[in-house]
Structures are given as C-alpha cells and as structure tokens.
C-alpha cells in the first residue's frame, strides 16, 4: 500500500482491488476527528452525540492518541475498484475487563 503514513505493526488486509490497513493517528487526521465530534450525519448510526471538538487535538498532543490505557487508530481503505477509495475511519480501543 502506497501511503504517506506507515501502518501500525504492519496490519494490512489485501483483497482483489483493495487494501485495508491500520495506522496511528496523524496530525492531518485531526480535522476529520473534530468533524466526527460535531456532525451527526457524518458517521451514521454509530454517532455517540456531540462531544468536545478540541479533544482529539489535545489527546494527539498528549500521547499521539496511543496511550497505555486507551487509544485510537485510523482505518485506511484504498481501492482500485471502489469510488470510496482513500476513505478514512477512526477506531478507538481500551483494554478488556
């Protein structure tokens, strides 16, 4: 996958005509993450309500959005056959239990 951002731990899935990968949040992603916090129609039914739009930038400045207890990754989809190629999605995680 030809991407300006390295993939986290090389996590990549390739299918005919498309590639899906996980990577660390980059500064260029912060505008999209701000929009996720304040635009209900942007992410559909998974939207959790209005949140602090500045929180993603603060978290990125604190630990690059990858801390010991919680974190976030970007799901990057690249496709030669899909008109939605290059779409980005965010993913949040925390330890189980």
N, C-alpha and C. Protein backbone atom coordinates (compact mmCIF):
# COMPACT_ATOMS: atom_id res chain seq x y z
N UNK A 1 0.85 -1.17 0.00
CA UNK A 1 0.00 0.00 0.00
C UNK A 1 0.89 1.23 0.00
N UNK A 2 0.65 2.12 -0.92
CA UNK A 2 1.44 3.32 -1.05
C UNK A 2 0.80 4.43 -0.25
N UNK A 3 1.30 4.67 0.96
CA UNK A 3 0.65 5.60 1.87
C UNK A 3 1.69 6.52 2.49
N UNK A 4 1.34 7.79 2.77
CA UNK A 4 2.29 8.68 3.43
C UNK A 4 2.48 8.34 4.90
N UNK A 5 1.62 7.47 5.45
CA UNK A 5 1.71 7.10 6.86
C UNK A 5 2.06 5.62 6.97
N UNK A 6 3.04 5.28 7.83
CA UNK A 6 3.35 3.86 8.00
C UNK A 6 2.19 3.15 8.70
N UNK A 7 2.03 1.88 8.41
CA UNK A 7 0.99 1.10 9.06
C UNK A 7 1.47 0.64 10.42
N UNK A 8 0.59 0.59 11.40
CA UNK A 8 0.92 0.14 12.74
C UNK A 8 1.17 -1.36 12.70
N UNK A 9 2.34 -1.78 13.10
CA UNK A 9 2.69 -3.20 13.19
C UNK A 9 2.40 -3.95 11.90
N UNK A 10 2.36 -3.27 10.77
CA UNK A 10 2.14 -3.93 9.50
C UNK A 10 0.79 -4.59 9.36
N UNK A 11 -0.22 -4.09 10.04
CA UNK A 11 -1.55 -4.69 9.99
C UNK A 11 -2.22 -4.27 8.69
N UNK A 12 -2.33 -5.21 7.76
CA UNK A 12 -2.88 -4.91 6.45
C UNK A 12 -3.70 -6.10 5.98
N UNK A 13 -4.82 -5.82 5.34
CA UNK A 13 -5.61 -6.86 4.67
C UNK A 13 -5.72 -6.48 3.21
N UNK A 14 -5.32 -7.37 2.34
CA UNK A 14 -5.43 -7.10 0.92
C UNK A 14 -6.44 -8.06 0.30
N UNK A 15 -7.32 -7.51 -0.50
CA UNK A 15 -8.29 -8.29 -1.27
C UNK A 15 -8.16 -7.83 -2.71
N UNK A 16 -8.67 -8.59 -3.64
CA UNK A 16 -8.54 -8.17 -5.04
C UNK A 16 -9.05 -6.75 -5.25
N UNK A 17 -8.16 -5.85 -5.63
CA UNK A 17 -8.54 -4.48 -5.92
C UNK A 17 -8.62 -3.54 -4.73
N UNK A 18 -8.34 -4.02 -3.50
CA UNK A 18 -8.41 -3.11 -2.36
C UNK A 18 -7.45 -3.53 -1.25
N UNK A 19 -7.14 -2.57 -0.41
CA UNK A 19 -6.26 -2.78 0.74
C UNK A 19 -6.87 -2.04 1.93
N UNK A 20 -6.91 -2.69 3.09
CA UNK A 20 -7.38 -2.07 4.32
C UNK A 20 -6.25 -2.17 5.34
N UNK A 21 -5.90 -1.06 5.96
CA UNK A 21 -4.81 -1.07 6.93
C UNK A 21 -5.12 -0.23 8.15
N UNK A 22 -4.40 -0.48 9.24
CA UNK A 22 -4.49 0.32 10.46
C UNK A 22 -3.21 1.13 10.59
N UNK A 23 -3.37 2.38 10.99
CA UNK A 23 -2.20 3.20 11.23
C UNK A 23 -2.47 4.15 12.38
N UNK A 24 -1.40 4.71 12.92
CA UNK A 24 -1.52 5.66 14.02
C UNK A 24 -2.14 6.96 13.50
N UNK A 25 -2.84 7.65 14.37
CA UNK A 25 -3.42 8.95 14.04
C UNK A 25 -2.29 9.92 13.70
N UNK A 26 -2.48 10.70 12.64
CA UNK A 26 -1.52 11.73 12.23
C UNK A 26 -2.16 13.10 12.40
N UNK A 27 -1.34 14.12 12.44
CA UNK A 27 -1.86 15.48 12.62
C UNK A 27 -2.86 15.84 11.52
N UNK A 28 -2.65 15.35 10.31
CA UNK A 28 -3.57 15.62 9.20
C UNK A 28 -4.97 15.04 9.45
N UNK A 29 -5.10 14.07 10.35
CA UNK A 29 -6.40 13.43 10.64
C UNK A 29 -7.25 14.24 11.62
N UNK A 30 -6.66 15.21 12.30
CA UNK A 30 -7.38 15.90 13.38
C UNK A 30 -8.62 16.65 12.89
N UNK A 31 -8.58 17.21 11.70
CA UNK A 31 -9.76 17.91 11.17
C UNK A 31 -10.92 16.94 11.02
N UNK A 32 -10.65 15.74 10.51
CA UNK A 32 -11.70 14.74 10.37
C UNK A 32 -12.24 14.32 11.74
N UNK A 33 -11.37 14.13 12.71
CA UNK A 33 -11.80 13.71 14.04
C UNK A 33 -12.62 14.80 14.72
N UNK A 34 -12.28 16.08 14.49
CA UNK A 34 -13.10 17.18 15.01
C UNK A 34 -14.50 17.11 14.42
N UNK A 35 -14.60 16.84 13.13
CA UNK A 35 -15.91 16.76 12.48
C UNK A 35 -16.73 15.60 13.05
N UNK A 36 -16.09 14.48 13.33
CA UNK A 36 -16.81 13.33 13.92
C UNK A 36 -17.49 13.73 15.23
N UNK A 37 -16.90 14.67 15.96
CA UNK A 37 -17.44 15.07 17.26
C UNK A 37 -18.67 15.97 17.16
N UNK A 38 -18.86 16.63 16.01
CA UNK A 38 -19.92 17.64 15.95
C UNK A 38 -20.88 17.50 14.76
N UNK A 39 -20.68 16.53 13.88
CA UNK A 39 -21.55 16.38 12.71
C UNK A 39 -22.29 15.05 12.77
N UNK A 40 -23.55 15.07 13.20
CA UNK A 40 -24.32 13.83 13.39
C UNK A 40 -24.40 12.94 12.15
N UNK A 41 -24.56 13.50 10.97
CA UNK A 41 -24.74 12.69 9.77
C UNK A 41 -23.46 12.15 9.18
N UNK A 42 -22.32 12.55 9.70
CA UNK A 42 -21.05 12.17 9.10
C UNK A 42 -20.73 10.69 9.26
N UNK A 43 -21.02 10.10 10.41
CA UNK A 43 -20.67 8.69 10.62
C UNK A 43 -21.87 7.78 10.78
N UNK A 44 -23.05 8.29 10.64
CA UNK A 44 -24.23 7.43 10.64
C UNK A 44 -24.69 7.01 12.03
N UNK A 45 -25.20 5.79 12.11
CA UNK A 45 -25.85 5.31 13.33
C UNK A 45 -24.90 5.13 14.52
N UNK A 46 -23.59 5.07 14.27
CA UNK A 46 -22.63 4.89 15.36
C UNK A 46 -22.31 6.19 16.09
N UNK A 47 -22.90 7.31 15.65
CA UNK A 47 -22.60 8.60 16.26
C UNK A 47 -23.06 8.61 17.70
N UNK A 48 -22.19 9.04 18.61
CA UNK A 48 -22.47 8.98 20.04
C UNK A 48 -22.94 10.31 20.62
N UNK A 49 -23.24 11.28 19.79
CA UNK A 49 -23.69 12.58 20.29
C UNK A 49 -22.58 13.61 20.25
N UNK A 50 -22.95 14.86 20.48
CA UNK A 50 -21.98 15.95 20.43
C UNK A 50 -20.92 15.78 21.51
N UNK A 51 -19.67 15.98 21.12
CA UNK A 51 -18.54 15.90 22.04
C UNK A 51 -17.66 17.13 21.85
N UNK A 52 -16.67 17.28 22.68
CA UNK A 52 -15.73 18.38 22.61
C UNK A 52 -14.89 18.25 21.33
N UNK A 53 -15.05 19.17 20.39
CA UNK A 53 -14.35 19.10 19.11
C UNK A 53 -12.84 19.29 19.25
N UNK A 54 -12.38 19.88 20.33
CA UNK A 54 -10.95 20.10 20.54
C UNK A 54 -10.27 18.90 21.21
N UNK A 55 -11.04 17.95 21.71
CA UNK A 55 -10.47 16.81 22.44
C UNK A 55 -9.49 15.98 21.59
N UNK A 56 -9.78 15.69 20.32
CA UNK A 56 -8.81 14.90 19.55
C UNK A 56 -7.44 15.58 19.44
N UNK A 57 -7.41 16.89 19.27
CA UNK A 57 -6.13 17.60 19.17
C UNK A 57 -5.37 17.56 20.50
N UNK A 58 -6.11 17.73 21.61
CA UNK A 58 -5.45 17.64 22.93
C UNK A 58 -4.87 16.25 23.14
N UNK A 59 -5.64 15.23 22.81
CA UNK A 59 -5.17 13.85 23.00
C UNK A 59 -3.96 13.57 22.11
N UNK A 60 -4.01 14.04 20.87
CA UNK A 60 -2.88 13.84 19.96
C UNK A 60 -1.62 14.51 20.51
N UNK A 61 -1.76 15.72 21.04
CA UNK A 61 -0.61 16.43 21.62
C UNK A 61 -0.07 15.72 22.85
N UNK A 62 -0.96 15.08 23.61
CA UNK A 62 -0.57 14.40 24.84
C UNK A 62 0.22 13.12 24.58
N UNK A 63 -0.29 12.25 23.72
CA UNK A 63 0.36 10.94 23.55
C UNK A 63 0.23 10.35 22.13
N UNK A 64 -0.06 11.23 21.16
CA UNK A 64 -0.20 10.73 19.79
C UNK A 64 -1.42 9.86 19.60
N UNK A 65 -2.37 9.95 20.53
CA UNK A 65 -3.62 9.16 20.53
C UNK A 65 -3.39 7.67 20.78
N UNK A 66 -2.22 7.31 21.31
CA UNK A 66 -1.93 5.92 21.68
C UNK A 66 -1.36 5.88 23.09
N UNK A 67 -2.22 5.75 24.06
CA UNK A 67 -1.77 5.69 25.44
C UNK A 67 -1.73 4.26 25.95
N UNK A 68 -1.31 4.09 27.18
CA UNK A 68 -1.25 2.75 27.79
C UNK A 68 -2.63 2.20 28.10
N UNK A 69 -3.60 3.07 28.39
CA UNK A 69 -4.93 2.60 28.81
C UNK A 69 -5.99 2.70 27.71
N UNK A 70 -5.87 3.65 26.82
CA UNK A 70 -6.80 3.80 25.70
C UNK A 70 -6.04 4.34 24.50
N UNK A 71 -6.67 4.28 23.35
CA UNK A 71 -6.00 4.81 22.17
C UNK A 71 -6.92 4.83 20.97
N UNK A 72 -6.40 5.31 19.88
CA UNK A 72 -7.16 5.36 18.64
C UNK A 72 -6.25 5.07 17.47
N UNK A 73 -6.81 4.46 16.46
CA UNK A 73 -6.10 4.17 15.21
C UNK A 73 -6.97 4.66 14.06
N UNK A 74 -6.36 4.80 12.92
CA UNK A 74 -7.07 5.14 11.70
C UNK A 74 -7.14 3.90 10.83
N UNK A 75 -8.35 3.59 10.36
CA UNK A 75 -8.56 2.51 9.40
C UNK A 75 -8.52 3.17 8.04
N UNK A 76 -7.55 2.79 7.22
CA UNK A 76 -7.38 3.40 5.91
C UNK A 76 -7.75 2.39 4.84
N UNK A 77 -8.69 2.77 3.98
CA UNK A 77 -9.17 1.90 2.90
C UNK A 77 -8.69 2.46 1.58
N UNK A 78 -8.00 1.65 0.81
CA UNK A 78 -7.55 2.04 -0.53
C UNK A 78 -8.09 1.00 -1.50
N UNK A 79 -8.72 1.46 -2.57
CA UNK A 79 -9.34 0.54 -3.51
C UNK A 79 -9.20 1.04 -4.93
N UNK A 80 -8.84 0.13 -5.82
CA UNK A 80 -8.75 0.46 -7.24
C UNK A 80 -10.11 0.33 -7.92
N UNK A 81 -11.06 -0.33 -7.26
CA UNK A 81 -12.36 -0.59 -7.89
C UNK A 81 -13.52 0.10 -7.20
N UNK A 82 -13.29 0.75 -6.05
CA UNK A 82 -14.37 1.37 -5.28
C UNK A 82 -14.26 2.88 -5.36
N UNK A 83 -15.34 3.55 -5.65
CA UNK A 83 -15.35 5.01 -5.74
C UNK A 83 -15.03 5.67 -4.41
N UNK A 84 -15.15 4.93 -3.30
CA UNK A 84 -14.88 5.48 -1.98
C UNK A 84 -13.42 5.31 -1.59
N UNK A 85 -12.55 5.03 -2.54
CA UNK A 85 -11.13 4.77 -2.27
C UNK A 85 -10.52 5.92 -1.48
N UNK A 86 -9.62 5.59 -0.61
CA UNK A 86 -8.93 6.58 0.19
C UNK A 86 -9.71 7.03 1.42
N UNK A 87 -10.85 6.42 1.69
CA UNK A 87 -11.65 6.80 2.86
C UNK A 87 -10.93 6.42 4.14
N UNK A 88 -11.11 7.26 5.16
CA UNK A 88 -10.52 7.01 6.46
C UNK A 88 -11.62 6.84 7.49
N UNK A 89 -11.37 6.00 8.46
CA UNK A 89 -12.30 5.75 9.55
C UNK A 89 -11.49 5.74 10.84
N UNK A 90 -12.09 6.12 11.94
CA UNK A 90 -11.35 6.08 13.20
C UNK A 90 -11.78 4.85 14.00
N UNK A 91 -10.90 4.41 14.86
CA UNK A 91 -11.12 3.23 15.68
C UNK A 91 -10.59 3.54 17.07
N UNK A 92 -11.40 3.38 18.10
CA UNK A 92 -10.98 3.60 19.48
C UNK A 92 -10.83 2.25 20.17
N UNK A 93 -9.92 2.13 21.10
CA UNK A 93 -9.74 0.87 21.83
C UNK A 93 -9.47 1.16 23.29
N UNK A 94 -9.69 0.15 24.11
CA UNK A 94 -9.33 0.17 25.52
C UNK A 94 -9.17 -1.29 25.96
N UNK A 95 -8.43 -1.54 27.01
CA UNK A 95 -8.25 -2.93 27.45
C UNK A 95 -9.58 -3.57 27.85
N UNK A 96 -9.70 -4.85 27.63
CA UNK A 96 -10.89 -5.59 28.05
C UNK A 96 -10.88 -5.74 29.56
N UNK A 97 -12.07 -5.78 30.13
CA UNK A 97 -12.17 -6.04 31.56
C UNK A 97 -12.36 -4.88 32.36
